Every structure is written in structure tokens, then in C-alpha cells.
Amino acid sequence: MTQKDITFVADFLTEHFNEAPELYNRKGKYFNVERVGQYLKDEDDDLVSPPNTEGNQWFNFLKNSTHLKESPLLFPYYPEKSLHFVKRQMEGVIDQCLQKPADVIGKSVHQAVCMSLYKTSQSEDSTPRLFKLPFLWNDKTSNIHYVLFTILENCISKIYILRRHTDTSRSVSNGLLAVDFGNFLNNSINESSDSRCYSCLDAHFYDDETVTVVLKESVEQEGKERVLAQLPLS
């Protein structure tokens, strides 16, 4: 707190919490806290004791500024109203600001393509979460959107790469492909395919041409549980 803050609080206590011996024998409150409570009432009525803005640096600044005095960018001040009233006014303005962009953006969004990634059972049980690690990347050089993800069912060793052109009227070759990490790190073809099988823990684009993946070995051995790999998209 600054010295000005401390002085403000001290002045407030001095003004509103003076001892009142004549009230000691009377039930109820001895102190006048109405100036505080009035700001917290959820009412549209004017404040009982409006604040004194004389000497306020912000109001003096606005008053002396030709450009800011009537600026529509500044939220209007209601010195006679409570904080609840001001809060409702601000929420209304914010809702109004957001409504137009929401309408415009909503009307501009349309489905470009539909792909069936997997099927779930029609049982009444809750559908398991099969979609994992969705990571988005926009290659501004080639104007292509990428989405990296995995599907948690019978293919945990695969990572999927979805590619779409920013111009929805143009298509991209290999729009959806899968990279299988199963046993690609085996030293020779003589190693068992089950001996060193990897699944993907996480994947992000490192740059426009490289994907970074964190792989986990299915049969964990000391010092060989995790692999950090940089894979070129090509």
C-alpha cells in the first residue's frame, strides 16, 4: 500500500468510526457504515451518500482533456449509483459488443469436409474419450492447417495428421494420414515386433517442417522408458 492509501483508510476510520458514548446504552450499531454498504446493495436507487469527487486525479485529468472528455471509449461514470448497478451496465455493454461478432462469425462458419474417424458402440454406457492430443498448427508459408491427434483404441502407437488448405475450395494430398511408431526404433529386422513397441504420449509441431513427439516404450526397461523424437513431415 502507498502512503496515500494508508492516509485514505485512516481518514475513513476517523470520520466514520468515532466513539459515540451517548449510544453505548442503546442496542444496535454505534458506527456509521452506510457509506460502505450503499455501494454493495443490489438496487437501482441512488446512493444515500454519493462520493465527493473533488480533488480526484482521474476526474481532474478527464475534465482537462479535450479529447477524452466526451470519448465513447471510456466507460461512463455513475457517481450516484452502486457497484451492482455499474456491474449490470458494464455487462450489458460487453454483451452488446460481443453479439455482432458472434453473429458474423457464426454465419461464416460452414462444414468443409466430413471424415469418419472411429465408431463407438450404441450401448447406454457413457462413450469413452477416444480423441486425444489435438494440437493445431498453421503453416503460413503453404497456407495449410494441421491437426495432430491420437485415437485411444487399438492404435495407441499411431499418431494422425490431418491437413486442410486455408482456402476450403482447394484440396491437399494425403489430407489424413497415420504414422505408426510401433517398432520403428528396432535395430534390426530380427528383433521381435513386440519387444520394443512404442506409443505416443504427446506431439507438437516444432516448426513448419518438423514434428516433435514423446514416445513411451510399452515394455518399460530402465533408461528406455521415454524417447523424444524429431520427425520431418516429408
Protein backbone atom coordinates (compact mmCIF):
# COMPACT_ATOMS: atom_id res chain seq x y z
CA MET A 1 0.00 0.00 0.00
CA THR A 2 1.12 3.51 -0.69
CA GLN A 3 1.12 6.27 1.92
CA LYS A 4 -1.85 7.77 0.12
CA ASP A 5 -3.82 4.54 0.58
CA ILE A 6 -2.97 4.43 4.29
CA THR A 7 -4.00 8.06 4.70
CA PHE A 8 -7.28 7.39 2.94
CA VAL A 9 -8.11 4.48 5.24
CA ALA A 10 -7.08 6.46 8.31
CA ASP A 11 -9.30 9.37 7.29
CA PHE A 12 -12.19 6.99 6.68
CA LEU A 13 -11.83 5.42 10.14
CA THR A 14 -11.54 8.84 11.77
CA GLU A 15 -14.64 10.14 10.05
CA HIS A 16 -16.96 7.14 10.40
CA PHE A 17 -15.81 5.20 13.46
CA ASN A 18 -15.64 7.87 16.12
CA GLU A 19 -16.62 6.85 19.62
CA ALA A 20 -20.20 7.69 20.50
CA PRO A 21 -20.62 7.38 24.31
CA GLU A 22 -24.24 8.54 24.11
CA LEU A 23 -25.02 5.41 22.06
CA TYR A 24 -23.33 2.86 24.34
CA ASN A 25 -26.53 2.02 26.19
CA ARG A 26 -28.56 1.74 23.02
CA LYS A 27 -28.89 -1.55 21.17
CA GLY A 28 -27.63 -1.72 17.62
CA LYS A 29 -24.65 -0.31 15.80
CA TYR A 30 -22.57 2.53 17.16
CA PHE A 31 -20.90 3.40 13.87
CA ASN A 32 -21.99 4.80 10.55
CA VAL A 33 -21.00 2.33 7.81
CA GLU A 34 -23.76 3.32 5.40
CA ARG A 35 -21.26 4.92 3.05
CA VAL A 36 -19.68 1.50 2.54
CA GLY A 37 -22.81 -0.65 2.50
CA GLN A 38 -24.60 1.56 -0.01
CA TYR A 39 -22.15 0.55 -2.75
CA LEU A 40 -22.92 -3.14 -2.25
CA LYS A 41 -26.70 -3.01 -2.36
CA ASP A 42 -28.17 -4.65 -5.43
CA GLU A 43 -30.53 -1.76 -6.13
CA ASP A 44 -31.03 0.84 -8.82
CA ASP A 45 -31.76 3.59 -6.31
CA ASP A 46 -29.36 6.48 -5.95
CA LEU A 47 -26.72 6.33 -3.22
CA VAL A 48 -27.63 7.81 0.12
CA SER A 49 -24.23 9.49 0.43
CA PRO A 50 -22.66 9.98 -3.01
CA PRO A 51 -18.86 10.20 -3.01
CA ASN A 52 -17.07 13.52 -3.14
CA THR A 53 -15.01 13.53 -6.35
CA GLU A 54 -13.43 16.92 -5.67
CA GLY A 55 -9.66 16.61 -5.99
CA ASN A 56 -9.82 13.18 -7.64
CA GLN A 57 -6.85 12.98 -10.01
CA TRP A 58 -8.67 10.88 -12.61
CA PHE A 59 -11.68 13.19 -12.82
CA ASN A 60 -9.44 16.24 -13.00
CA PHE A 61 -7.47 14.58 -15.79
CA LEU A 62 -10.64 13.84 -17.79
CA LYS A 63 -12.05 17.29 -17.17
CA ASN A 64 -8.92 18.95 -18.52
CA SER A 65 -8.60 16.64 -21.54
CA THR A 66 -10.40 17.87 -24.64
CA HIS A 67 -10.17 14.51 -26.43
CA LEU A 68 -11.10 12.22 -23.54
CA LYS A 69 -13.90 14.26 -22.02
CA GLU A 70 -16.51 13.02 -24.48
CA SER A 71 -14.71 9.88 -25.68
CA PRO A 72 -17.04 6.92 -26.40
CA LEU A 73 -14.18 4.56 -25.47
CA LEU A 74 -14.38 5.45 -21.77
CA PHE A 75 -17.00 3.69 -19.71
CA PRO A 76 -19.37 6.32 -18.25
CA TYR A 77 -19.19 7.04 -14.55
CA TYR A 78 -22.31 6.91 -12.39
CA PRO A 79 -21.42 8.70 -9.13
CA GLU A 80 -24.96 8.30 -7.79
CA LYS A 81 -25.22 4.52 -8.32
CA SER A 82 -23.99 1.38 -6.52
CA LEU A 83 -21.40 -1.05 -7.82
CA HIS A 84 -24.13 -3.58 -8.64
CA PHE A 85 -25.77 -1.05 -10.93
CA VAL A 86 -22.45 -0.28 -12.66
CA LYS A 87 -21.74 -4.02 -13.00
CA ARG A 88 -25.05 -4.62 -14.78
CA GLN A 89 -24.44 -1.66 -17.08
CA MET A 90 -20.98 -2.96 -17.99
CA GLU A 91 -22.25 -6.49 -18.61
CA GLY A 92 -24.89 -5.10 -20.95
CA VAL A 93 -22.29 -3.15 -22.94
CA ILE A 94 -19.97 -6.17 -23.16
CA ASP A 95 -22.81 -8.45 -24.32
CA GLN A 96 -23.73 -5.91 -26.97
CA CYS A 97 -20.11 -5.70 -28.17
CA LEU A 98 -19.79 -9.48 -28.44
CA GLN A 99 -23.15 -10.18 -30.07
CA LYS A 100 -22.34 -8.74 -33.51
CA PRO A 101 -19.01 -10.60 -33.93
CA ALA A 102 -20.69 -13.80 -32.74
CA ASP A 103 -23.41 -13.44 -35.37
CA VAL A 104 -20.95 -12.65 -38.17
CA ILE A 105 -18.51 -15.42 -37.25
CA GLY A 106 -21.30 -17.92 -36.73
CA LYS A 107 -22.79 -17.27 -40.15
CA SER A 108 -19.39 -17.53 -41.85
CA VAL A 109 -18.54 -20.97 -40.43
CA HIS A 110 -19.52 -23.96 -42.53
CA GLN A 111 -18.53 -27.61 -42.81
CA ALA A 112 -15.77 -28.13 -45.38
CA VAL A 113 -15.36 -31.89 -45.10
CA CYS A 114 -16.62 -34.81 -43.00
CA MET A 115 -14.42 -37.78 -42.08
CA SER A 116 -15.37 -40.84 -40.03
CA LEU A 117 -12.50 -41.43 -37.60
CA TYR A 118 -13.96 -44.22 -35.47
CA LYS A 119 -17.22 -45.81 -34.40
CA THR A 120 -18.46 -46.34 -30.86
CA SER A 121 -20.93 -48.86 -29.51
CA GLN A 122 -24.55 -47.89 -29.27
CA SER A 123 -24.83 -49.09 -25.68
CA GLU A 124 -26.23 -46.87 -22.97
CA ASP A 125 -22.85 -46.73 -21.27
CA SER A 126 -21.04 -43.41 -21.43
CA THR A 127 -18.94 -43.13 -24.57
CA PRO A 128 -15.22 -43.33 -23.73
CA ARG A 129 -12.96 -40.43 -24.62
CA LEU A 130 -11.09 -41.72 -27.65
CA PHE A 131 -9.81 -38.44 -29.10
CA LYS A 132 -6.56 -37.25 -27.53
CA LEU A 133 -3.74 -34.72 -28.02
CA PRO A 134 -5.44 -32.40 -30.50
CA PHE A 135 -2.72 -29.89 -31.42
CA LEU A 136 -3.25 -27.22 -34.08
CA TRP A 137 -0.63 -25.68 -36.34
CA ASN A 138 -0.93 -23.18 -39.17
CA ASP A 139 1.75 -23.20 -41.85
CA LYS A 140 1.51 -19.65 -43.18
CA THR A 141 4.04 -20.35 -45.93
CA SER A 142 1.97 -23.03 -47.64
CA ASN A 143 -1.38 -21.87 -46.18
CA ILE A 144 -2.17 -25.24 -44.64
CA HIS A 145 -3.81 -26.07 -41.32
CA TYR A 146 -2.56 -29.14 -39.43
CA VAL A 147 -4.18 -31.10 -36.62
CA LEU A 148 -2.23 -33.75 -34.68
CA PHE A 149 -4.18 -36.27 -32.61
CA THR A 150 -4.30 -39.87 -31.42
CA ILE A 151 -7.20 -42.28 -31.02
CA LEU A 152 -7.15 -44.33 -27.83
CA GLU A 153 -8.39 -47.67 -29.06
CA ASN A 154 -6.32 -50.45 -30.62
CA CYS A 155 -3.99 -47.92 -32.22
CA ILE A 156 -2.17 -46.12 -29.42
CA SER A 157 1.06 -46.50 -31.38
CA LYS A 158 -0.27 -44.27 -34.16
CA ILE A 159 -0.43 -40.51 -34.46
CA TYR A 160 -2.78 -38.97 -37.01
CA ILE A 161 -2.03 -35.87 -39.08
CA LEU A 162 -4.96 -34.02 -40.63
CA ARG A 163 -4.15 -31.41 -43.30
CA ARG A 164 -6.52 -28.84 -44.79
CA HIS A 165 -5.83 -25.85 -47.02
CA THR A 166 -6.87 -22.48 -45.60
CA ASP A 167 -8.76 -21.98 -48.87
CA THR A 168 -11.53 -24.53 -48.38
CA SER A 169 -12.07 -24.76 -52.15
CA ARG A 170 -8.60 -26.28 -52.58
CA SER A 171 -7.71 -29.85 -51.63
CA VAL A 172 -4.49 -31.22 -50.13
CA SER A 173 -2.94 -34.57 -50.97
CA ASN A 174 -2.86 -37.03 -48.07
CA GLY A 175 -5.44 -34.99 -46.20
CA LEU A 176 -5.43 -37.55 -43.39
CA LEU A 177 -2.61 -39.97 -42.69
CA ALA A 178 -1.33 -42.02 -39.76
CA VAL A 179 2.24 -42.52 -38.58
CA ASP A 180 2.84 -45.82 -36.78
CA PHE A 181 5.61 -45.77 -34.17
CA GLY A 182 5.18 -49.46 -33.32
CA ASN A 183 8.72 -50.83 -33.68
CA PHE A 184 10.43 -48.31 -35.94
CA LEU A 185 13.33 -47.92 -33.49
CA ASN A 186 14.29 -51.59 -33.60
CA ASN A 187 17.93 -52.03 -34.56
CA SER A 188 17.30 -54.94 -36.92
CA ILE A 189 14.51 -56.88 -38.51
CA ASN A 190 15.47 -59.83 -36.29
CA GLU A 191 14.09 -58.09 -33.20
CA SER A 192 10.64 -59.20 -32.17
CA SER A 193 7.91 -56.77 -33.16
CA ASP A 194 6.55 -56.97 -29.63
CA SER A 195 9.88 -56.48 -27.88
CA ARG A 196 10.10 -52.72 -28.46
CA CYS A 197 6.72 -51.25 -29.25
CA TYR A 198 6.12 -47.53 -28.75
CA SER A 199 3.04 -45.42 -28.13
CA CYS A 200 2.76 -41.64 -28.41
CA LEU A 201 2.44 -39.64 -25.18
CA ASP A 202 2.47 -36.19 -26.75
CA ALA A 203 3.07 -34.48 -30.09
CA HIS A 204 3.56 -30.87 -31.17
CA PHE A 205 4.79 -29.11 -34.25
CA TYR A 206 8.36 -27.88 -33.78
CA ASP A 207 8.22 -25.78 -36.95
CA ASP A 208 6.53 -25.91 -40.36
CA GLU A 209 8.54 -28.97 -41.38
CA THR A 210 9.16 -30.88 -38.15
CA VAL A 211 7.01 -32.67 -35.57
CA THR A 212 8.26 -33.37 -32.05
CA VAL A 213 6.85 -36.48 -30.36
CA VAL A 214 7.30 -38.07 -26.94
CA LEU A 215 7.17 -41.85 -27.20
CA LYS A 216 6.67 -44.40 -24.46
CA GLU A 217 8.01 -47.95 -24.67
CA SER A 218 5.29 -50.49 -23.98
CA VAL A 219 7.65 -52.86 -22.17
CA GLU A 220 9.40 -50.46 -19.83
CA GLN A 221 13.04 -51.04 -19.08
CA GLU A 222 15.34 -48.92 -17.00
CA GLY A 223 16.62 -45.98 -19.03
CA LYS A 224 14.47 -46.80 -22.04
CA GLU A 225 11.00 -45.70 -20.97
CA ARG A 226 10.75 -42.43 -22.94
CA VAL A 227 12.02 -41.25 -26.32
CA LEU A 228 11.98 -37.67 -27.64
CA ALA A 229 11.98 -37.73 -31.45
CA GLN A 230 12.06 -35.04 -34.12
CA LEU A 231 10.27 -36.23 -37.26
CA PRO A 232 10.34 -34.39 -40.61
CA LEU A 233 6.91 -34.12 -42.23
CA SER A 234 8.41 -35.20 -45.53
